Amino acid sequence: MITKLAESEGATLGLEVSGKIDLIEEKKWIGIVETLIQEHDRINILVVRGGKLGYEFKAAYEDLKWTFKHLKHIHKIAIVSESNVLAALVAMDSPFAQTVGISEKHFKTSNLQDAWQWVNA
């Protein structure tokens, strides 16, 4: 399930992602994000990862395809979770993201407000 966070505004979209993500839900959110890109060109995304997460293969593939096609429209990505593995993946990916103009940072859930401040700065 993907839920829009109430703090979302302007060019910044906050999402809570948990449970199983299927292709229908993925395509719905791709449409929402594309509308945001049309309005602002470059956007910021804050993702709160809650609980267990599972992606249907087709949904994960669609997400990956869409992401590579739209890299130039992403300014900042804040990932909020308790996962040390996810924190390490973000740390490893961040230098590569910088090469295409994306700032990426991981925050613990106790630092959610810091994540909002960072992604909106």
N, C-alpha and C. Protein backbone atom coordinates (compact mmCIF):
# COMPACT_ATOMS: atom_id res chain seq x y z
N MET A 1 0.83 -1.17 0.00
CA MET A 1 0.00 0.00 0.00
C MET A 1 0.89 1.24 0.00
N ILE A 2 0.49 2.23 -0.78
CA ILE A 2 1.19 3.51 -0.84
C ILE A 2 0.19 4.58 -0.41
N THR A 3 0.59 5.39 0.58
CA THR A 3 -0.28 6.42 1.10
C THR A 3 0.44 7.76 1.05
N LYS A 4 -0.26 8.78 0.53
CA LYS A 4 0.30 10.13 0.49
C LYS A 4 0.27 10.71 1.89
N LEU A 5 1.39 11.31 2.31
CA LEU A 5 1.48 11.93 3.62
C LEU A 5 0.93 13.35 3.58
N ALA A 6 0.26 13.74 4.65
CA ALA A 6 -0.41 15.04 4.73
C ALA A 6 0.55 16.22 4.57
N GLU A 7 1.81 16.05 4.92
CA GLU A 7 2.79 17.13 4.84
C GLU A 7 3.23 17.43 3.41
N SER A 8 2.81 16.63 2.47
CA SER A 8 3.16 16.85 1.06
C SER A 8 2.64 18.20 0.62
N GLU A 9 3.50 18.95 -0.08
CA GLU A 9 3.05 20.23 -0.63
C GLU A 9 4.02 20.68 -1.71
N GLY A 10 3.49 21.45 -2.64
CA GLY A 10 4.32 21.98 -3.72
C GLY A 10 5.00 20.87 -4.49
N ALA A 11 6.31 21.00 -4.66
CA ALA A 11 7.09 20.04 -5.42
C ALA A 11 7.55 18.84 -4.59
N THR A 12 7.08 18.75 -3.34
CA THR A 12 7.51 17.66 -2.46
C THR A 12 6.36 16.71 -2.19
N LEU A 13 6.60 15.44 -2.47
CA LEU A 13 5.61 14.39 -2.25
C LEU A 13 6.15 13.43 -1.19
N GLY A 14 5.39 13.28 -0.11
CA GLY A 14 5.72 12.31 0.92
C GLY A 14 4.82 11.11 0.82
N LEU A 15 5.42 9.93 0.90
CA LEU A 15 4.68 8.69 0.76
C LEU A 15 5.05 7.73 1.88
N GLU A 16 4.07 7.00 2.38
CA GLU A 16 4.34 5.87 3.26
C GLU A 16 4.10 4.62 2.45
N VAL A 17 5.09 3.74 2.42
CA VAL A 17 5.02 2.53 1.61
C VAL A 17 5.14 1.32 2.53
N SER A 18 4.15 0.44 2.44
CA SER A 18 4.19 -0.79 3.24
C SER A 18 3.31 -1.84 2.57
N GLY A 19 3.44 -3.06 3.02
CA GLY A 19 2.62 -4.13 2.48
C GLY A 19 3.01 -4.51 1.07
N LYS A 20 2.08 -5.05 0.33
CA LYS A 20 2.31 -5.54 -1.03
C LYS A 20 1.91 -4.47 -2.04
N ILE A 21 2.81 -4.19 -2.98
CA ILE A 21 2.55 -3.23 -4.04
C ILE A 21 2.34 -4.01 -5.33
N ASP A 22 1.16 -3.82 -5.93
CA ASP A 22 0.89 -4.51 -7.19
C ASP A 22 0.99 -3.51 -8.35
N LEU A 23 0.87 -4.01 -9.56
CA LEU A 23 1.03 -3.19 -10.75
C LEU A 23 -0.03 -2.10 -10.84
N ILE A 24 -1.24 -2.38 -10.43
CA ILE A 24 -2.32 -1.38 -10.49
C ILE A 24 -1.98 -0.19 -9.60
N GLU A 25 -1.55 -0.47 -8.37
CA GLU A 25 -1.20 0.61 -7.45
C GLU A 25 0.03 1.37 -7.94
N GLU A 26 1.00 0.66 -8.46
CA GLU A 26 2.21 1.30 -8.98
C GLU A 26 1.86 2.28 -10.10
N LYS A 27 1.02 1.85 -11.03
CA LYS A 27 0.65 2.72 -12.15
C LYS A 27 -0.15 3.93 -11.67
N LYS A 28 -0.99 3.76 -10.66
CA LYS A 28 -1.74 4.88 -10.10
C LYS A 28 -0.77 5.94 -9.58
N TRP A 29 0.23 5.53 -8.82
CA TRP A 29 1.17 6.49 -8.24
C TRP A 29 2.11 7.08 -9.27
N ILE A 30 2.46 6.32 -10.29
CA ILE A 30 3.26 6.87 -11.39
C ILE A 30 2.50 8.03 -12.02
N GLY A 31 1.21 7.88 -12.23
CA GLY A 31 0.40 8.96 -12.78
C GLY A 31 0.39 10.19 -11.89
N ILE A 32 0.28 9.99 -10.59
CA ILE A 32 0.29 11.11 -9.65
C ILE A 32 1.63 11.83 -9.67
N VAL A 33 2.72 11.08 -9.69
CA VAL A 33 4.06 11.68 -9.72
C VAL A 33 4.29 12.39 -11.04
N GLU A 34 3.82 11.83 -12.14
CA GLU A 34 3.99 12.49 -13.44
C GLU A 34 3.24 13.83 -13.48
N THR A 35 2.09 13.90 -12.86
CA THR A 35 1.36 15.17 -12.77
C THR A 35 2.16 16.20 -11.98
N LEU A 36 2.77 15.76 -10.89
CA LEU A 36 3.61 16.64 -10.08
C LEU A 36 4.81 17.14 -10.90
N ILE A 37 5.39 16.27 -11.70
CA ILE A 37 6.51 16.67 -12.56
C ILE A 37 6.04 17.70 -13.59
N GLN A 38 4.87 17.50 -14.16
CA GLN A 38 4.34 18.47 -15.14
C GLN A 38 4.17 19.85 -14.50
N GLU A 39 3.79 19.87 -13.23
CA GLU A 39 3.57 21.13 -12.52
C GLU A 39 4.87 21.81 -12.08
N HIS A 40 5.89 21.01 -11.69
CA HIS A 40 7.09 21.58 -11.06
C HIS A 40 8.40 21.25 -11.76
N ASP A 41 8.40 20.39 -12.72
CA ASP A 41 9.59 19.91 -13.44
C ASP A 41 10.50 19.05 -12.58
N ARG A 42 11.07 19.62 -11.52
CA ARG A 42 11.91 18.83 -10.61
C ARG A 42 11.19 18.69 -9.28
N ILE A 43 11.18 17.48 -8.75
CA ILE A 43 10.42 17.19 -7.54
C ILE A 43 11.30 16.57 -6.47
N ASN A 44 10.80 16.60 -5.26
CA ASN A 44 11.42 15.96 -4.11
C ASN A 44 10.48 14.87 -3.62
N ILE A 45 11.06 13.77 -3.19
CA ILE A 45 10.24 12.64 -2.71
C ILE A 45 10.76 12.20 -1.35
N LEU A 46 9.84 12.07 -0.40
CA LEU A 46 10.15 11.52 0.91
C LEU A 46 9.38 10.22 1.04
N VAL A 47 10.08 9.14 1.32
CA VAL A 47 9.44 7.83 1.44
C VAL A 47 9.65 7.29 2.84
N VAL A 48 8.54 7.06 3.54
CA VAL A 48 8.59 6.41 4.85
C VAL A 48 8.30 4.94 4.60
N ARG A 49 9.25 4.14 4.94
CA ARG A 49 9.11 2.69 4.75
C ARG A 49 8.59 2.09 6.04
N GLY A 50 7.36 1.62 6.01
CA GLY A 50 6.74 1.07 7.21
C GLY A 50 6.46 -0.41 7.06
N GLY A 51 6.79 -1.17 8.08
CA GLY A 51 6.48 -2.60 8.10
C GLY A 51 7.10 -3.38 6.96
N LYS A 52 6.53 -4.54 6.71
CA LYS A 52 7.02 -5.39 5.63
C LYS A 52 6.61 -4.82 4.29
N LEU A 53 7.48 -5.00 3.32
CA LEU A 53 7.21 -4.47 1.99
C LEU A 53 7.45 -5.56 0.97
N GLY A 54 6.53 -5.68 0.05
CA GLY A 54 6.67 -6.63 -1.04
C GLY A 54 6.19 -6.01 -2.33
N TYR A 55 6.94 -6.20 -3.39
CA TYR A 55 6.57 -5.70 -4.71
C TYR A 55 6.31 -6.88 -5.62
N GLU A 56 5.19 -6.85 -6.35
CA GLU A 56 5.01 -7.80 -7.43
C GLU A 56 6.11 -7.52 -8.44
N PHE A 57 6.58 -8.54 -9.11
CA PHE A 57 7.68 -8.36 -10.07
C PHE A 57 7.33 -7.30 -11.11
N LYS A 58 6.13 -7.37 -11.67
CA LYS A 58 5.73 -6.41 -12.71
C LYS A 58 5.71 -4.98 -12.16
N ALA A 59 5.28 -4.80 -10.92
CA ALA A 59 5.26 -3.47 -10.30
C ALA A 59 6.68 -2.96 -10.08
N ALA A 60 7.55 -3.82 -9.60
CA ALA A 60 8.95 -3.42 -9.37
C ALA A 60 9.62 -3.06 -10.69
N TYR A 61 9.36 -3.84 -11.72
CA TYR A 61 9.95 -3.57 -13.04
C TYR A 61 9.44 -2.23 -13.58
N GLU A 62 8.13 -1.98 -13.45
CA GLU A 62 7.54 -0.72 -13.92
C GLU A 62 8.14 0.47 -13.16
N ASP A 63 8.34 0.31 -11.85
CA ASP A 63 8.93 1.35 -11.02
C ASP A 63 10.35 1.65 -11.47
N LEU A 64 11.13 0.63 -11.68
CA LEU A 64 12.53 0.79 -12.11
C LEU A 64 12.60 1.45 -13.48
N LYS A 65 11.78 1.00 -14.41
CA LYS A 65 11.73 1.58 -15.76
C LYS A 65 11.37 3.06 -15.69
N TRP A 66 10.35 3.38 -14.92
CA TRP A 66 9.90 4.76 -14.80
C TRP A 66 10.99 5.63 -14.17
N THR A 67 11.63 5.11 -13.14
CA THR A 67 12.66 5.88 -12.43
C THR A 67 13.80 6.25 -13.36
N PHE A 68 14.32 5.30 -14.12
CA PHE A 68 15.43 5.60 -15.03
C PHE A 68 15.03 6.61 -16.10
N LYS A 69 13.80 6.55 -16.54
CA LYS A 69 13.31 7.48 -17.57
C LYS A 69 13.17 8.91 -17.04
N HIS A 70 12.92 9.05 -15.72
CA HIS A 70 12.61 10.36 -15.15
C HIS A 70 13.66 10.87 -14.16
N LEU A 71 14.86 10.34 -14.19
CA LEU A 71 15.90 10.77 -13.25
C LEU A 71 16.11 12.28 -13.25
N LYS A 72 16.05 12.89 -14.41
CA LYS A 72 16.33 14.33 -14.52
C LYS A 72 15.29 15.19 -13.81
N HIS A 73 14.16 14.60 -13.44
CA HIS A 73 13.10 15.35 -12.78
C HIS A 73 13.12 15.19 -11.26
N ILE A 74 14.05 14.41 -10.75
CA ILE A 74 14.12 14.17 -9.30
C ILE A 74 15.26 15.00 -8.72
N HIS A 75 14.94 15.83 -7.75
CA HIS A 75 15.93 16.69 -7.10
C HIS A 75 16.47 16.05 -5.83
N LYS A 76 15.57 15.65 -4.92
CA LYS A 76 15.97 15.04 -3.65
C LYS A 76 15.08 13.84 -3.34
N ILE A 77 15.70 12.85 -2.70
CA ILE A 77 14.97 11.70 -2.19
C ILE A 77 15.39 11.47 -0.75
N ALA A 78 14.42 11.48 0.15
CA ALA A 78 14.66 11.15 1.55
C ALA A 78 13.99 9.81 1.82
N ILE A 79 14.77 8.86 2.33
CA ILE A 79 14.25 7.55 2.70
C ILE A 79 14.23 7.49 4.22
N VAL A 80 13.07 7.18 4.79
CA VAL A 80 12.92 7.14 6.24
C VAL A 80 12.56 5.71 6.64
N SER A 81 13.44 5.08 7.44
CA SER A 81 13.18 3.70 7.86
C SER A 81 14.08 3.35 9.04
N GLU A 82 13.81 2.21 9.61
CA GLU A 82 14.67 1.68 10.68
C GLU A 82 15.66 0.65 10.14
N SER A 83 15.64 0.42 8.86
CA SER A 83 16.46 -0.62 8.25
C SER A 83 17.91 -0.18 8.08
N ASN A 84 18.82 -0.89 8.72
CA ASN A 84 20.25 -0.62 8.53
C ASN A 84 20.69 -1.01 7.13
N VAL A 85 20.07 -2.04 6.57
CA VAL A 85 20.39 -2.47 5.21
C VAL A 85 20.01 -1.37 4.22
N LEU A 86 18.82 -0.82 4.39
CA LEU A 86 18.37 0.25 3.51
C LEU A 86 19.25 1.49 3.67
N ALA A 87 19.65 1.79 4.89
CA ALA A 87 20.56 2.93 5.13
C ALA A 87 21.88 2.71 4.39
N ALA A 88 22.40 1.49 4.43
CA ALA A 88 23.65 1.18 3.74
C ALA A 88 23.47 1.28 2.22
N LEU A 89 22.35 0.80 1.71
CA LEU A 89 22.09 0.89 0.27
C LEU A 89 21.99 2.34 -0.19
N VAL A 90 21.33 3.18 0.58
CA VAL A 90 21.24 4.60 0.24
C VAL A 90 22.62 5.23 0.26
N ALA A 91 23.43 4.90 1.26
CA ALA A 91 24.79 5.44 1.35
C ALA A 91 25.64 5.02 0.15
N MET A 92 25.46 3.78 -0.31
CA MET A 92 26.22 3.31 -1.48
C MET A 92 25.70 3.94 -2.77
N ASP A 93 24.40 4.16 -2.86
CA ASP A 93 23.80 4.69 -4.08
C ASP A 93 23.96 6.20 -4.22
N SER A 94 24.05 6.89 -3.09
CA SER A 94 24.07 8.35 -3.09
C SER A 94 25.12 8.97 -4.01
N PRO A 95 26.37 8.49 -4.03
CA PRO A 95 27.35 9.09 -4.95
C PRO A 95 26.95 8.93 -6.43
N PHE A 96 26.32 7.81 -6.77
CA PHE A 96 25.88 7.60 -8.15
C PHE A 96 24.70 8.52 -8.46
N ALA A 97 23.80 8.68 -7.50
CA ALA A 97 22.66 9.58 -7.69
C ALA A 97 23.15 11.01 -7.92
N GLN A 98 24.19 11.40 -7.20
CA GLN A 98 24.74 12.76 -7.37
C GLN A 98 25.21 13.00 -8.80
N THR A 99 25.69 11.97 -9.47
CA THR A 99 26.18 12.14 -10.85
C THR A 99 25.07 12.53 -11.82
N VAL A 100 23.81 12.25 -11.45
CA VAL A 100 22.68 12.66 -12.30
C VAL A 100 21.87 13.78 -11.63
N GLY A 101 22.45 14.40 -10.60
CA GLY A 101 21.84 15.57 -9.98
C GLY A 101 20.81 15.29 -8.90
N ILE A 102 20.82 14.09 -8.34
CA ILE A 102 19.87 13.73 -7.28
C ILE A 102 20.60 13.66 -5.95
N SER A 103 20.06 14.37 -4.96
CA SER A 103 20.55 14.25 -3.58
C SER A 103 19.68 13.20 -2.89
N GLU A 104 20.34 12.29 -2.19
CA GLU A 104 19.64 11.17 -1.58
C GLU A 104 20.17 10.97 -0.17
N LYS A 105 19.26 10.78 0.79
CA LYS A 105 19.70 10.63 2.18
C LYS A 105 18.73 9.74 2.94
N HIS A 106 19.28 8.96 3.87
CA HIS A 106 18.48 8.08 4.72
C HIS A 106 18.34 8.70 6.11
N PHE A 107 17.14 8.54 6.68
CA PHE A 107 16.86 9.02 8.04
C PHE A 107 16.19 7.91 8.83
N LYS A 108 16.46 7.84 10.10
CA LYS A 108 15.72 6.95 11.00
C LYS A 108 14.33 7.54 11.22
N THR A 109 13.37 6.70 11.55
CA THR A 109 11.99 7.18 11.73
C THR A 109 11.89 8.22 12.84
N SER A 110 12.75 8.14 13.83
CA SER A 110 12.73 9.14 14.91
C SER A 110 13.16 10.52 14.41
N ASN A 111 13.74 10.59 13.22
CA ASN A 111 14.20 11.85 12.63
C ASN A 111 13.34 12.27 11.44
N LEU A 112 12.07 11.89 11.45
CA LEU A 112 11.18 12.20 10.34
C LEU A 112 11.10 13.70 10.08
N GLN A 113 11.03 14.51 11.13
CA GLN A 113 10.96 15.97 10.93
C GLN A 113 12.23 16.49 10.26
N ASP A 114 13.38 15.93 10.63
CA ASP A 114 14.64 16.32 9.98
C ASP A 114 14.60 15.96 8.50
N ALA A 115 14.00 14.82 8.19
CA ALA A 115 13.89 14.39 6.79
C ALA A 115 13.03 15.37 6.00
N TRP A 116 11.91 15.80 6.59
CA TRP A 116 11.05 16.78 5.91
C TRP A 116 11.79 18.10 5.69
N GLN A 117 12.51 18.55 6.71
CA GLN A 117 13.27 19.80 6.57
C GLN A 117 14.32 19.68 5.48
N TRP A 118 15.04 18.55 5.44
CA TRP A 118 16.10 18.35 4.46
C TRP A 118 15.51 18.30 3.04
N VAL A 119 14.47 17.53 2.86
CA VAL A 119 13.91 17.35 1.51
C VAL A 119 13.29 18.65 0.98
N ASN A 120 12.82 19.50 1.88
CA ASN A 120 12.22 20.76 1.47
C ASN A 120 13.20 21.91 1.35
N ALA A 121 14.42 21.74 1.80
CA ALA A 121 15.42 22.83 1.78
C ALA A 121 15.96 23.05 0.37
